[in-house]
Amino acid sequence: MTLSRITMRLARNPGTEFAGGDDHRGYALTAPLTAEGHLDEAAYGKSRDHCTVRRFAPDEAAVEGRLARKGKNWFFDYDAAASDDDEPVYRLGMHRFAVGEYVTVSDEDGRPLTYKVVEIQPAG
C-alpha cells in the first residue's frame, strides 16, 4: 500500500473574500489512493494512523490533524476528543484526486469552500 501526499490550494470562491482564490491557503493531505485516484477505503482501514491533514494559511499557524471517516462521511479531524473542530469534506469518497480537480471543504464556520488539487506525490 502506497500513501500519496495531496496538496490542495484555495480556488476561486465567488461571493466570498476569496473570490480570486489564494495559493497560500490550503491543505496537505496524506492518504492512500486507488489507481484511478479515489480514496482507497480498504487501504485506509490498514493505514488510518498515517492518514494526516495539515491546514495552512498565511494569517494563522498551520494546524495538524488526521483524515477520519464515520460511515460514508469523510472529514478532517484536528482533535480526536472533540467533534466541534471537524471539517467535513463534501463527497470526499467520490472525488477523484488528480491535478486540476476540485474538492469542497467546509471551513470552521461551516461555509463550503472550493480547493484545487495542485500536486500529488508519493508520501515519503
PDB file of N, CA and C in Angstrom:
ATOM      1  N   MET A   1       0.835  -1.176   0.000  1.00  0.00           N
ATOM      2  CA  MET A   1       0.000   0.000   0.000  1.00  0.00           C
ATOM      3  C   MET A   1       0.883   1.244   0.000  1.00  0.00           C
ATOM      4  N   THR A   2       0.589   2.154  -0.884  1.00  0.00           N
ATOM      5  CA  THR A   2       1.350   3.384  -1.003  1.00  0.00           C
ATOM      6  C   THR A   2       0.472   4.560  -0.620  1.00  0.00           C
ATOM      7  N   LEU A   3       1.022   5.451   0.177  1.00  0.00           N
ATOM      8  CA  LEU A   3       0.315   6.676   0.536  1.00  0.00           C
ATOM      9  C   LEU A   3       0.735   7.786  -0.409  1.00  0.00           C
ATOM     10  N   SER A   4      -0.192   8.682  -0.677  1.00  0.00           N
ATOM     11  CA  SER A   4       0.074   9.839  -1.529  1.00  0.00           C
ATOM     12  C   SER A   4      -0.026  11.111  -0.717  1.00  0.00           C
ATOM     13  N   ARG A   5       0.773  12.079  -1.086  1.00  0.00           N
ATOM     14  CA  ARG A   5       0.726  13.410  -0.490  1.00  0.00           C
ATOM     15  C   ARG A   5       0.016  14.304  -1.493  1.00  0.00           C
ATOM     16  N   ILE A   6      -1.144  14.819  -1.105  1.00  0.00           N
ATOM     17  CA  ILE A   6      -2.012  15.599  -1.988  1.00  0.00           C
ATOM     18  C   ILE A   6      -2.034  17.033  -1.491  1.00  0.00           C
ATOM     19  N   THR A   7      -1.698  17.974  -2.351  1.00  0.00           N
ATOM     20  CA  THR A   7      -1.740  19.384  -1.980  1.00  0.00           C
ATOM     21  C   THR A   7      -2.907  20.047  -2.693  1.00  0.00           C
ATOM     22  N   MET A   8      -3.741  20.725  -1.904  1.00  0.00           N
ATOM     23  CA  MET A   8      -4.898  21.449  -2.439  1.00  0.00           C
ATOM     24  C   MET A   8      -4.784  22.907  -2.006  1.00  0.00           C
ATOM     25  N   ARG A   9      -5.002  23.808  -2.947  1.00  0.00           N
ATOM     26  CA  ARG A   9      -4.941  25.244  -2.643  1.00  0.00           C
ATOM     27  C   ARG A   9      -6.300  25.876  -2.911  1.00  0.00           C
ATOM     28  N   LEU A  10      -6.606  26.922  -2.153  1.00  0.00           N
ATOM     29  CA  LEU A  10      -7.906  27.575  -2.254  1.00  0.00           C
ATOM     30  C   LEU A  10      -8.144  28.099  -3.664  1.00  0.00           C
ATOM     31  N   ALA A  11      -9.214  27.630  -4.273  1.00  0.00           N
ATOM     32  CA  ALA A  11      -9.571  28.044  -5.632  1.00  0.00           C
ATOM     33  C   ALA A  11     -10.432  29.306  -5.570  1.00  0.00           C
ATOM     34  N   ARG A  12     -10.857  29.776  -6.714  1.00  0.00           N
ATOM     35  CA  ARG A  12     -11.768  30.928  -6.754  1.00  0.00           C
ATOM     36  C   ARG A  12     -13.071  30.543  -6.064  1.00  0.00           C
ATOM     37  N   ASN A  13     -13.549  31.406  -5.188  1.00  0.00           N
ATOM     38  CA  ASN A  13     -14.801  31.204  -4.475  1.00  0.00           C
ATOM     39  C   ASN A  13     -15.609  32.490  -4.563  1.00  0.00           C
ATOM     40  N   PRO A  14     -16.312  32.697  -5.702  1.00  0.00           N
ATOM     41  CA  PRO A  14     -17.101  33.919  -5.888  1.00  0.00           C
ATOM     42  C   PRO A  14     -18.081  34.136  -4.727  1.00  0.00           C
ATOM     43  N   GLY A  15     -18.254  35.392  -4.367  1.00  0.00           N
ATOM     44  CA  GLY A  15     -19.179  35.739  -3.292  1.00  0.00           C
ATOM     45  C   GLY A  15     -18.559  35.650  -1.906  1.00  0.00           C
ATOM     46  N   THR A  16     -17.266  35.350  -1.841  1.00  0.00           N
ATOM     47  CA  THR A  16     -16.555  35.313  -0.558  1.00  0.00           C
ATOM     48  C   THR A  16     -15.370  36.269  -0.646  1.00  0.00           C
ATOM     49  N   GLU A  17     -14.657  36.395   0.462  1.00  0.00           N
ATOM     50  CA  GLU A  17     -13.449  37.223   0.435  1.00  0.00           C
ATOM     51  C   GLU A  17     -12.329  36.574  -0.372  1.00  0.00           C
ATOM     52  N   PHE A  18     -12.580  35.335  -0.844  1.00  0.00           N
ATOM     53  CA  PHE A  18     -11.601  34.611  -1.652  1.00  0.00           C
ATOM     54  C   PHE A  18     -12.071  34.478  -3.100  1.00  0.00           C
ATOM     55  N   ALA A  19     -12.688  35.510  -3.609  1.00  0.00           N
ATOM     56  CA  ALA A  19     -13.243  35.461  -4.969  1.00  0.00           C
ATOM     57  C   ALA A  19     -12.175  35.094  -6.000  1.00  0.00           C
ATOM     58  N   GLY A  20     -10.944  35.512  -5.776  1.00  0.00           N
ATOM     59  CA  GLY A  20      -9.860  35.220  -6.712  1.00  0.00           C
ATOM     60  C   GLY A  20      -9.026  34.020  -6.322  1.00  0.00           C
ATOM     61  N   GLY A  21      -9.396  33.342  -5.229  1.00  0.00           N
ATOM     62  CA  GLY A  21      -8.598  32.221  -4.736  1.00  0.00           C
ATOM     63  C   GLY A  21      -7.438  32.713  -3.891  1.00  0.00           C
ATOM     64  N   ASP A  22      -6.654  31.792  -3.371  1.00  0.00           N
ATOM     65  CA  ASP A  22      -5.493  32.151  -2.558  1.00  0.00           C
ATOM     66  C   ASP A  22      -4.530  30.962  -2.549  1.00  0.00           C
ATOM     67  N   ASP A  23      -3.425  31.075  -3.279  1.00  0.00           N
ATOM     68  CA  ASP A  23      -2.440  29.998  -3.378  1.00  0.00           C
ATOM     69  C   ASP A  23      -1.694  29.733  -2.073  1.00  0.00           C
ATOM     70  N   HIS A  24      -1.834  30.624  -1.088  1.00  0.00           N
ATOM     71  CA  HIS A  24      -1.127  30.471   0.178  1.00  0.00           C
ATOM     72  C   HIS A  24      -2.001  29.834   1.255  1.00  0.00           C
ATOM     73  N   ARG A  25      -3.194  29.409   0.879  1.00  0.00           N
ATOM     74  CA  ARG A  25      -4.158  28.855   1.817  1.00  0.00           C
ATOM     75  C   ARG A  25      -4.604  27.502   1.270  1.00  0.00           C
ATOM     76  N   GLY A  26      -4.517  26.453   2.093  1.00  0.00           N
ATOM     77  CA  GLY A  26      -4.941  25.159   1.594  1.00  0.00           C
ATOM     78  C   GLY A  26      -4.711  24.026   2.556  1.00  0.00           C
ATOM     79  N   TYR A  27      -4.580  22.832   1.981  1.00  0.00           N
ATOM     80  CA  TYR A  27      -4.420  21.602   2.744  1.00  0.00           C
ATOM     81  C   TYR A  27      -3.361  20.721   2.100  1.00  0.00           C
ATOM     82  N   ALA A  28      -2.629  20.004   2.953  1.00  0.00           N
ATOM     83  CA  ALA A  28      -1.742  18.934   2.502  1.00  0.00           C
ATOM     84  C   ALA A  28      -2.285  17.671   3.162  1.00  0.00           C
ATOM     85  N   LEU A  29      -2.705  16.739   2.354  1.00  0.00           N
ATOM     86  CA  LEU A  29      -3.370  15.530   2.813  1.00  0.00           C
ATOM     87  C   LEU A  29      -2.517  14.311   2.465  1.00  0.00           C
ATOM     88  N   THR A  30      -2.354  13.394   3.406  1.00  0.00           N
ATOM     89  CA  THR A  30      -1.677  12.129   3.147  1.00  0.00           C
ATOM     90  C   THR A  30      -2.716  11.030   3.243  1.00  0.00           C
ATOM     91  N   ALA A  31      -2.898  10.280   2.144  1.00  0.00           N
ATOM     92  CA  ALA A  31      -3.937   9.249   2.094  1.00  0.00           C
ATOM     93  C   ALA A  31      -3.607   8.227   1.011  1.00  0.00           C
ATOM     94  N   PRO A  32      -4.162   7.016   1.129  1.00  0.00           N
ATOM     95  CA  PRO A  32      -3.977   6.023   0.073  1.00  0.00           C
ATOM     96  C   PRO A  32      -4.973   6.267  -1.061  1.00  0.00           C
ATOM     97  N   LEU A  33      -4.498   6.160  -2.291  1.00  0.00           N
ATOM     98  CA  LEU A  33      -5.361   6.358  -3.456  1.00  0.00           C
ATOM     99  C   LEU A  33      -5.368   5.096  -4.316  1.00  0.00           C
ATOM    100  N   THR A  34      -6.487   4.866  -4.991  1.00  0.00           N
ATOM    101  CA  THR A  34      -6.565   3.777  -5.955  1.00  0.00           C
ATOM    102  C   THR A  34      -5.839   4.212  -7.231  1.00  0.00           C
ATOM    103  N   ALA A  35      -5.683   3.297  -8.162  1.00  0.00           N
ATOM    104  CA  ALA A  35      -5.047   3.625  -9.441  1.00  0.00           C
ATOM    105  C   ALA A  35      -5.831   4.696 -10.189  1.00  0.00           C
ATOM    106  N   GLU A  36      -7.142   4.780  -9.927  1.00  0.00           N
ATOM    107  CA  GLU A  36      -7.993   5.782 -10.585  1.00  0.00           C
ATOM    108  C   GLU A  36      -7.983   7.121  -9.855  1.00  0.00           C
ATOM    109  N   GLY A  37      -7.314   7.193  -8.708  1.00  0.00           N
ATOM    110  CA  GLY A  37      -7.202   8.461  -7.988  1.00  0.00           C
ATOM    111  C   GLY A  37      -8.264   8.690  -6.929  1.00  0.00           C
ATOM    112  N   HIS A  38      -9.017   7.662  -6.557  1.00  0.00           N
ATOM    113  CA  HIS A  38     -10.017   7.780  -5.498  1.00  0.00           C
ATOM    114  C   HIS A  38      -9.404   7.317  -4.182  1.00  0.00           C
ATOM    115  N   LEU A  39      -9.980   7.762  -3.060  1.00  0.00           N
ATOM    116  CA  LEU A  39      -9.519   7.259  -1.775  1.00  0.00           C
ATOM    117  C   LEU A  39      -9.685   5.749  -1.752  1.00  0.00           C
ATOM    118  N   ASP A  40      -8.668   5.050  -1.319  1.00  0.00           N
ATOM    119  CA  ASP A  40      -8.690   3.595  -1.232  1.00  0.00           C
ATOM    120  C   ASP A  40      -9.194   3.221   0.159  1.00  0.00           C
ATOM    121  N   GLU A  41     -10.490   2.891   0.248  1.00  0.00           N
ATOM    122  CA  GLU A  41     -11.113   2.626   1.544  1.00  0.00           C
ATOM    123  C   GLU A  41     -10.486   1.433   2.256  1.00  0.00           C
ATOM    124  N   ALA A  42     -10.167   0.372   1.528  1.00  0.00           N
ATOM    125  CA  ALA A  42      -9.560  -0.810   2.148  1.00  0.00           C
ATOM    126  C   ALA A  42      -8.182  -0.473   2.702  1.00  0.00           C
ATOM    127  N   ALA A  43      -7.392   0.246   1.943  1.00  0.00           N
ATOM    128  CA  ALA A  43      -6.051   0.622   2.397  1.00  0.00           C
ATOM    129  C   ALA A  43      -6.132   1.617   3.553  1.00  0.00           C
ATOM    130  N   TYR A  44      -7.142   2.482   3.537  1.00  0.00           N
ATOM    131  CA  TYR A  44      -7.316   3.432   4.641  1.00  0.00           C
ATOM    132  C   TYR A  44      -7.512   2.680   5.953  1.00  0.00           C
ATOM    133  N   GLY A  45      -8.299   1.617   5.926  1.00  0.00           N
ATOM    134  CA  GLY A  45      -8.544   0.830   7.129  1.00  0.00           C
ATOM    135  C   GLY A  45      -7.266   0.274   7.732  1.00  0.00           C
ATOM    136  N   LYS A  46      -6.268   0.019   6.895  1.00  0.00           N
ATOM    137  CA  LYS A  46      -4.997  -0.540   7.360  1.00  0.00           C
ATOM    138  C   LYS A  46      -3.964   0.538   7.684  1.00  0.00           C
ATOM    139  N   SER A  47      -4.219   1.769   7.234  1.00  0.00           N
ATOM    140  CA  SER A  47      -3.198   2.810   7.390  1.00  0.00           C
ATOM    141  C   SER A  47      -3.729   4.094   8.007  1.00  0.00           C
ATOM    142  N   ARG A  48      -4.884   4.031   8.641  1.00  0.00           N
ATOM    143  CA  ARG A  48      -5.526   5.266   9.130  1.00  0.00           C
ATOM    144  C   ARG A  48      -4.619   6.104  10.029  1.00  0.00           C
ATOM    145  N   ASP A  49      -3.718   5.464  10.775  1.00  0.00           N
ATOM    146  CA  ASP A  49      -2.819   6.226  11.653  1.00  0.00           C
ATOM    147  C   ASP A  49      -1.820   7.074  10.875  1.00  0.00           C
ATOM    148  N   HIS A  50      -1.644   6.781   9.591  1.00  0.00           N
ATOM    149  CA  HIS A  50      -0.700   7.527   8.754  1.00  0.00           C
ATOM    150  C   HIS A  50      -1.406   8.516   7.831  1.00  0.00           C
ATOM    151  N   CYS A  51      -2.734   8.570   7.909  1.00  0.00           N
ATOM    152  CA  CYS A  51      -3.523   9.465   7.051  1.00  0.00           C
ATOM    153  C   CYS A  51      -3.710  10.790   7.778  1.00  0.00           C
ATOM    154  N   THR A  52      -2.968  11.773   7.337  1.00  0.00           N
ATOM    155  CA  THR A  52      -2.929  13.052   8.040  1.00  0.00           C
ATOM    156  C   THR A  52      -3.401  14.187   7.150  1.00  0.00           C
ATOM    157  N   VAL A  53      -3.660  15.315   7.793  1.00  0.00           N
ATOM    158  CA  VAL A  53      -4.002  16.537   7.077  1.00  0.00           C
ATOM    159  C   VAL A  53      -3.299  17.694   7.776  1.00  0.00           C
ATOM    160  N   ARG A  54      -2.881  18.642   6.986  1.00  0.00           N
ATOM    161  CA  ARG A  54      -2.255  19.868   7.507  1.00  0.00           C
ATOM    162  C   ARG A  54      -2.938  21.034   6.805  1.00  0.00           C
ATOM    163  N   ARG A  55      -3.589  21.883   7.590  1.00  0.00           N
ATOM    164  CA  ARG A  55      -4.243  23.079   7.044  1.00  0.00           C
ATOM    165  C   ARG A  55      -3.272  24.246   7.186  1.00  0.00           C
ATOM    166  N   PHE A  56      -3.071  24.986   6.103  1.00  0.00           N
ATOM    167  CA  PHE A  56      -2.138  26.114   6.155  1.00  0.00           C
ATOM    168  C   PHE A  56      -2.784  27.368   5.588  1.00  0.00           C
ATOM    169  N   ALA A  57      -2.394  28.486   6.169  1.00  0.00           N
ATOM    170  CA  ALA A  57      -2.874  29.801   5.737  1.00  0.00           C
ATOM    171  C   ALA A  57      -1.852  30.832   6.201  1.00  0.00           C
ATOM    172  N   PRO A  58      -1.716  31.931   5.467  1.00  0.00           N
ATOM    173  CA  PRO A  58      -0.689  32.911   5.829  1.00  0.00           C
ATOM    174  C   PRO A  58      -0.970  33.659   7.129  1.00  0.00           C
ATOM    175  N   ASP A  59      -2.228  33.714   7.555  1.00  0.00           N
ATOM    176  CA  ASP A  59      -2.587  34.503   8.728  1.00  0.00           C
ATOM    177  C   ASP A  59      -2.818  33.660   9.979  1.00  0.00           C
ATOM    178  N   GLU A  60      -2.419  32.375   9.946  1.00  0.00           N
ATOM    179  CA  GLU A  60      -2.560  31.508  11.117  1.00  0.00           C
ATOM    180  C   GLU A  60      -1.484  30.433  11.097  1.00  0.00           C
ATOM    181  N   ALA A  61      -1.218  29.889  12.261  1.00  0.00           N
ATOM    182  CA  ALA A  61      -0.255  28.784  12.342  1.00  0.00           C
ATOM    183  C   ALA A  61      -0.866  27.554  11.678  1.00  0.00           C
ATOM    184  N   ALA A  62      -0.022  26.737  11.067  1.00  0.00           N
ATOM    185  CA  ALA A  62      -0.501  25.509  10.439  1.00  0.00           C
ATOM    186  C   ALA A  62      -1.133  24.621  11.508  1.00  0.00           C
ATOM    187  N   VAL A  63      -2.187  23.905  11.122  1.00  0.00           N
ATOM    188  CA  VAL A  63      -2.901  23.026  12.045  1.00  0.00           C
ATOM    189  C   VAL A  63      -2.782  21.596  11.526  1.00  0.00           C
ATOM    190  N   GLU A  64      -2.333  20.694  12.391  1.00  0.00           N
ATOM    191  CA  GLU A  64      -2.155  19.285  12.033  1.00  0.00           C
ATOM    192  C   GLU A  64      -3.359  18.486  12.507  1.00  0.00           C
ATOM    193  N   GLY A  65      -3.783  17.522  11.703  1.00  0.00           N
ATOM    194  CA  GLY A  65      -4.896  16.669  12.085  1.00  0.00           C
ATOM    195  C   GLY A  65      -4.814  15.343  11.355  1.00  0.00           C
ATOM    196  N   ARG A  66      -5.953  14.694  11.251  1.00  0.00           N
ATOM    197  CA  ARG A  66      -5.986  13.390  10.592  1.00  0.00           C
ATOM    198  C   ARG A  66      -7.209  13.301   9.688  1.00  0.00           C
ATOM    199  N   LEU A  67      -7.094  12.458   8.694  1.00  0.00           N
ATOM    200  CA  LEU A  67      -8.228  12.132   7.849  1.00  0.00           C
ATOM    201  C   LEU A  67      -9.043  11.097   8.616  1.00  0.00           C
ATOM    202  N   ALA A  68     -10.330  11.332   8.760  1.00  0.00           N
ATOM    203  CA  ALA A  68     -11.178  10.427   9.527  1.00  0.00           C
ATOM    204  C   ALA A  68     -12.435  10.105   8.736  1.00  0.00           C
ATOM    205  N   ARG A  69     -13.081   9.046   9.172  1.00  0.00           N
ATOM    206  CA  ARG A  69     -14.281   8.589   8.466  1.00  0.00           C
ATOM    207  C   ARG A  69     -15.280   8.071   9.485  1.00  0.00           C
ATOM    208  N   LYS A  70     -16.538   8.448   9.295  1.00  0.00           N
ATOM    209  CA  LYS A  70     -17.634   7.942  10.105  1.00  0.00           C
ATOM    210  C   LYS A  70     -18.721   7.529   9.132  1.00  0.00           C
ATOM    211  N   GLY A  71     -18.947   6.226   8.986  1.00  0.00           N
ATOM    212  CA  GLY A  71     -19.877   5.739   7.972  1.00  0.00           C
ATOM    213  C   GLY A  71     -19.312   6.044   6.595  1.00  0.00           C
ATOM    214  N   LYS A  72     -20.091   6.682   5.751  1.00  0.00           N
ATOM    215  CA  LYS A  72     -19.634   7.069   4.408  1.00  0.00           C
ATOM    216  C   LYS A  72     -19.054   8.484   4.384  1.00  0.00           C
ATOM    217  N   ASN A  73     -19.115   9.180   5.525  1.00  0.00           N
ATOM    218  CA  ASN A  73     -18.689  10.576   5.588  1.00  0.00           C
ATOM    219  C   ASN A  73     -17.231  10.703   6.004  1.00  0.00           C
ATOM    220  N   TRP A  74     -16.474  11.434   5.201  1.00  0.00           N
ATOM    221  CA  TRP A  74     -15.072  11.714   5.472  1.00  0.00           C
ATOM    222  C   TRP A  74     -14.963  13.128   6.020  1.00  0.00           C
ATOM    223  N   PHE A  75     -13.983  13.350   6.899  1.00  0.00           N
ATOM    224  CA  PHE A  75     -13.771  14.691   7.427  1.00  0.00           C
ATOM    225  C   PHE A  75     -12.338  14.824   7.908  1.00  0.00           C
ATOM    226  N   PHE A  76     -11.922  16.064   8.116  1.00  0.00           N
ATOM    227  CA  PHE A  76     -10.618  16.359   8.687  1.00  0.00           C
ATOM    228  C   PHE A  76     -10.835  16.596  10.181  1.00  0.00           C
ATOM    229  N   ASP A  77     -10.109  15.890  11.011  1.00  0.00           N
ATOM    230  CA  ASP A  77     -10.282  15.954  12.460  1.00  0.00           C
ATOM    231  C   ASP A  77      -8.991  16.476  13.081  1.00  0.00           C
ATOM    232  N   TYR A  78      -9.104  17.560  13.836  1.00  0.00           N
ATOM    233  CA  TYR A  78      -7.922  18.176  14.433  1.00  0.00           C
ATOM    234  C   TYR A  78      -7.772  17.874  15.922  1.00  0.00           C
ATOM    235  N   ASP A  79      -8.817  17.336  16.535  1.00  0.00           N
ATOM    236  CA  ASP A  79      -8.771  16.970  17.956  1.00  0.00           C
ATOM    237  C   ASP A  79      -9.688  15.769  18.138  1.00  0.00           C
ATOM    238  N   ALA A  80      -9.094  14.605  18.366  1.00  0.00           N
ATOM    239  CA  ALA A  80      -9.870  13.367  18.472  1.00  0.00           C
ATOM    240  C   ALA A  80     -10.864  13.395  19.629  1.00  0.00           C
ATOM    241  N   ALA A  81     -10.627  14.235  20.639  1.00  0.00           N
ATOM    242  CA  ALA A  81     -11.510  14.292  21.800  1.00  0.00           C
ATOM    243  C   ALA A  81     -12.713  15.213  21.588  1.00  0.00           C
ATOM    244  N   ALA A  82     -12.720  15.975  20.496  1.00  0.00           N
ATOM    245  CA  ALA A  82     -13.818  16.922  20.254  1.00  0.00           C
ATOM    246  C   ALA A  82     -14.323  16.774  18.828  1.00  0.00           C
ATOM    247  N   SER A  83     -15.597  17.015  18.632  1.00  0.00           N
ATOM    248  CA  SER A  83     -16.141  16.934  17.270  1.00  0.00           C
ATOM    249  C   SER A  83     -16.449  18.305  16.693  1.00  0.00           C
ATOM    250  N   ASP A  84     -16.377  19.361  17.508  1.00  0.00           N
ATOM    251  CA  ASP A  84     -16.714  20.683  17.006  1.00  0.00           C
ATOM    252  C   ASP A  84     -15.624  21.287  16.133  1.00  0.00           C
ATOM    253  N   ASP A  85     -14.467  20.639  16.051  1.00  0.00           N
ATOM    254  CA  ASP A  85     -13.383  21.143  15.208  1.00  0.00           C
ATOM    255  C   ASP A  85     -13.321  20.433  13.861  1.00  0.00           C
ATOM    256  N   ASP A  86     -14.198  19.453  13.638  1.00  0.00           N
ATOM    257  CA  ASP A  86     -14.154  18.667  12.411  1.00  0.00           C
ATOM    258  C   ASP A  86     -14.545  19.509  11.201  1.00  0.00           C
ATOM    259  N   GLU A  87     -13.856  19.274  10.076  1.00  0.00           N
ATOM    260  CA  GLU A  87     -14.160  19.951   8.819  1.00  0.00           C
ATOM    261  C   GLU A  87     -14.659  18.899   7.834  1.00  0.00           C
ATOM    262  N   PRO A  88     -15.973  18.876   7.565  1.00  0.00           N
ATOM    263  CA  PRO A  88     -16.499  17.906   6.600  1.00  0.00           C
ATOM    264  C   PRO A  88     -15.996  18.202   5.195  1.00  0.00           C
ATOM    265  N   VAL A  89     -15.785  17.140   4.450  1.00  0.00           N
ATOM    266  CA  VAL A  89     -15.356  17.275   3.060  1.00  0.00           C
ATOM    267  C   VAL A  89     -16.459  16.692   2.195  1.00  0.00           C
ATOM    268  N   TYR A  90     -17.032  17.524   1.349  1.00  0.00           N
ATOM    269  CA  TYR A  90     -18.193  17.145   0.559  1.00  0.00           C
ATOM    270  C   TYR A  90     -17.873  15.992  -0.379  1.00  0.00           C
ATOM    271  N   ARG A  91     -18.526  14.853  -0.165  1.00  0.00           N
ATOM    272  CA  ARG A  91     -18.428  13.676  -1.017  1.00  0.00           C
ATOM    273  C   ARG A  91     -16.979  13.267  -1.303  1.00  0.00           C
ATOM    274  N   LEU A  92     -16.143  13.318  -0.269  1.00  0.00           N
ATOM    275  CA  LEU A  92     -14.718  13.037  -0.464  1.00  0.00           C
ATOM    276  C   LEU A  92     -14.483  11.650  -1.046  1.00  0.00           C
ATOM    277  N   GLY A  93     -15.270  10.672  -0.623  1.00  0.00           N
ATOM    278  CA  GLY A  93     -15.104   9.324  -1.143  1.00  0.00           C
ATOM    279  C   GLY A  93     -15.409   9.197  -2.622  1.00  0.00           C
ATOM    280  N   MET A  94     -16.124  10.166  -3.198  1.00  0.00           N
ATOM    281  CA  MET A  94     -16.488  10.148  -4.614  1.00  0.00           C
ATOM    282  C   MET A  94     -15.491  10.927  -5.477  1.00  0.00           C
ATOM    283  N   HIS A  95     -14.693  11.786  -4.835  1.00  0.00           N
ATOM    284  CA  HIS A  95     -13.762  12.635  -5.581  1.00  0.00           C
ATOM    285  C   HIS A  95     -12.636  11.830  -6.205  1.00  0.00           C
ATOM    286  N   ARG A  96     -12.221  12.296  -7.349  1.00  0.00           N
ATOM    287  CA  ARG A  96     -11.027  11.762  -7.989  1.00  0.00           C
ATOM    288  C   ARG A  96      -9.909  12.764  -7.721  1.00  0.00           C
ATOM    289  N   PHE A  97      -8.858  12.291  -7.086  1.00  0.00           N
ATOM    290  CA  PHE A  97      -7.721  13.158  -6.802  1.00  0.00           C
ATOM    291  C   PHE A  97      -6.770  13.108  -7.972  1.00  0.00           C
ATOM    292  N   ALA A  98      -6.772  14.184  -8.733  1.00  0.00           N
ATOM    293  CA  ALA A  98      -5.880  14.366  -9.872  1.00  0.00           C
ATOM    294  C   ALA A  98      -5.610  15.857  -9.972  1.00  0.00           C
ATOM    295  N   VAL A  99      -4.444  16.204 -10.437  1.00  0.00           N
ATOM    296  CA  VAL A  99      -4.107  17.618 -10.582  1.00  0.00           C
ATOM    297  C   VAL A  99      -5.159  18.287 -11.461  1.00  0.00           C
ATOM    298  N   GLY A 100      -5.689  19.409 -10.957  1.00  0.00           N
ATOM    299  CA  GLY A 100      -6.699  20.164 -11.682  1.00  0.00           C
ATOM    300  C   GLY A 100      -8.123  19.886 -11.219  1.00  0.00           C
ATOM    301  N   GLU A 101      -8.337  18.824 -10.447  1.00  0.00           N
ATOM    302  CA  GLU A 101      -9.669  18.513  -9.915  1.00  0.00           C
ATOM    303  C   GLU A 101      -9.966  19.415  -8.714  1.00  0.00           C
ATOM    304  N   TYR A 102     -11.254  19.527  -8.352  1.00  0.00           N
ATOM    305  CA  TYR A 102     -11.689  20.391  -7.261  1.00  0.00           C
ATOM    306  C   TYR A 102     -12.317  19.587  -6.135  1.00  0.00           C
ATOM    307  N   VAL A 103     -12.116  20.055  -4.892  1.00  0.00           N
ATOM    308  CA  VAL A 103     -12.653  19.421  -3.700  1.00  0.00           C
ATOM    309  C   VAL A 103     -13.276  20.525  -2.837  1.00  0.00           C
ATOM    310  N   THR A 104     -14.441  20.264  -2.269  1.00  0.00           N
ATOM    311  CA  THR A 104     -15.097  21.237  -1.401  1.00  0.00           C
ATOM    312  C   THR A 104     -14.928  20.826   0.051  1.00  0.00           C
ATOM    313  N   VAL A 105     -14.409  21.750   0.860  1.00  0.00           N
ATOM    314  CA  VAL A 105     -14.203  21.535   2.293  1.00  0.00           C
ATOM    315  C   VAL A 105     -14.984  22.611   3.028  1.00  0.00           C
ATOM    316  N   SER A 106     -15.715  22.211   4.069  1.00  0.00           N
ATOM    317  CA  SER A 106     -16.416  23.196   4.901  1.00  0.00           C
ATOM    318  C   SER A 106     -15.440  23.745   5.930  1.00  0.00           C
ATOM    319  N   ASP A 107     -15.347  25.067   6.012  1.00  0.00           N
ATOM    320  CA  ASP A 107     -14.414  25.660   6.969  1.00  0.00           C
ATOM    321  C   ASP A 107     -14.974  25.571   8.388  1.00  0.00           C
ATOM    322  N   GLU A 108     -14.248  26.140   9.341  1.00  0.00           N
ATOM    323  CA  GLU A 108     -14.642  26.037  10.743  1.00  0.00           C
ATOM    324  C   GLU A 108     -15.995  26.687  11.039  1.00  0.00           C
ATOM    325  N   ASP A 109     -16.471  27.538  10.150  1.00  0.00           N
ATOM    326  CA  ASP A 109     -17.786  28.159  10.308  1.00  0.00           C
ATOM    327  C   ASP A 109     -18.872  27.416   9.534  1.00  0.00           C
ATOM    328  N   GLY A 110     -18.510  26.290   8.913  1.00  0.00           N
ATOM    329  CA  GLY A 110     -19.482  25.507   8.155  1.00  0.00           C
ATOM    330  C   GLY A 110     -19.686  25.992   6.729  1.00  0.00           C
ATOM    331  N   ARG A 111     -18.906  26.961   6.302  1.00  0.00           N
ATOM    332  CA  ARG A 111     -19.027  27.529   4.963  1.00  0.00           C
ATOM    333  C   ARG A 111     -18.252  26.668   3.969  1.00  0.00           C
ATOM    334  N   PRO A 112     -18.902  26.180   2.903  1.00  0.00           N
ATOM    335  CA  PRO A 112     -18.177  25.372   1.917  1.00  0.00           C
ATOM    336  C   PRO A 112     -17.263  26.233   1.046  1.00  0.00           C
ATOM    337  N   LEU A 113     -16.016  25.808   0.937  1.00  0.00           N
ATOM    338  CA  LEU A 113     -15.043  26.491   0.084  1.00  0.00           C
ATOM    339  C   LEU A 113     -14.419  25.469  -0.850  1.00  0.00           C
ATOM    340  N   THR A 114     -14.119  25.898  -2.058  1.00  0.00           N
ATOM    341  CA  THR A 114     -13.572  25.016  -3.084  1.00  0.00           C
ATOM    342  C   THR A 114     -12.057  25.132  -3.140  1.00  0.00           C
ATOM    343  N   TYR A 115     -11.401  23.961  -3.208  1.00  0.00           N
ATOM    344  CA  TYR A 115      -9.948  23.870  -3.303  1.00  0.00           C
ATOM    345  C   TYR A 115      -9.588  23.099  -4.564  1.00  0.00           C
ATOM    346  N   LYS A 116      -8.461  23.458  -5.139  1.00  0.00           N
ATOM    347  CA  LYS A 116      -7.993  22.799  -6.360  1.00  0.00           C
ATOM    348  C   LYS A 116      -6.788  21.905  -6.019  1.00  0.00           C
ATOM    349  N   VAL A 117      -6.808  20.683  -6.519  1.00  0.00           N
ATOM    350  CA  VAL A 117      -5.665  19.779  -6.350  1.00  0.00           C
ATOM    351  C   VAL A 117      -4.557  20.286  -7.259  1.00  0.00           C
ATOM    352  N   VAL A 118      -3.424  20.629  -6.666  1.00  0.00           N
ATOM    353  CA  VAL A 118      -2.321  21.189  -7.450  1.00  0.00           C
ATOM    354  C   VAL A 118      -1.109  20.269  -7.529  1.00  0.00           C
ATOM    355  N   GLU A 119      -1.053  19.257  -6.638  1.00  0.00           N
ATOM    356  CA  GLU A 119       0.107  18.372  -6.651  1.00  0.00           C
ATOM    357  C   GLU A 119      -0.243  17.063  -5.961  1.00  0.00           C
ATOM    358  N   ILE A 120       0.274  15.965  -6.514  1.00  0.00           N
ATOM    359  CA  ILE A 120       0.150  14.640  -5.900  1.00  0.00           C
ATOM    360  C   ILE A 120       1.511  13.953  -6.053  1.00  0.00           C
ATOM    361  N   GLN A 121       2.061  13.505  -4.922  1.00  0.00           N
ATOM    362  CA  GLN A 121       3.353  12.830  -4.914  1.00  0.00           C
ATOM    363  C   GLN A 121       3.272  11.633  -3.976  1.00  0.00           C
ATOM    364  N   PRO A 122       4.116  10.638  -4.187  1.00  0.00           N
ATOM    365  CA  PRO A 122       4.188   9.551  -3.202  1.00  0.00           C
ATOM    366  C   PRO A 122       4.642  10.129  -1.868  1.00  0.00           C
ATOM    367  N   ALA A 123       3.998   9.701  -0.775  1.00  0.00           N
ATOM    368  CA  ALA A 123       4.402  10.175   0.557  1.00  0.00           C
ATOM    369  C   ALA A 123       5.681   9.461   0.947  1.00  0.00           C
ATOM    370  N   GLY A 124       6.583  10.192   1.521  1.00  0.00           N
ATOM    371  CA  GLY A 124       7.881   9.610   1.867  1.00  0.00           C
ATOM    372  C   GLY A 124       8.062   9.384   3.260  1.00  0.00           C
TER     373      GLY A 124
END
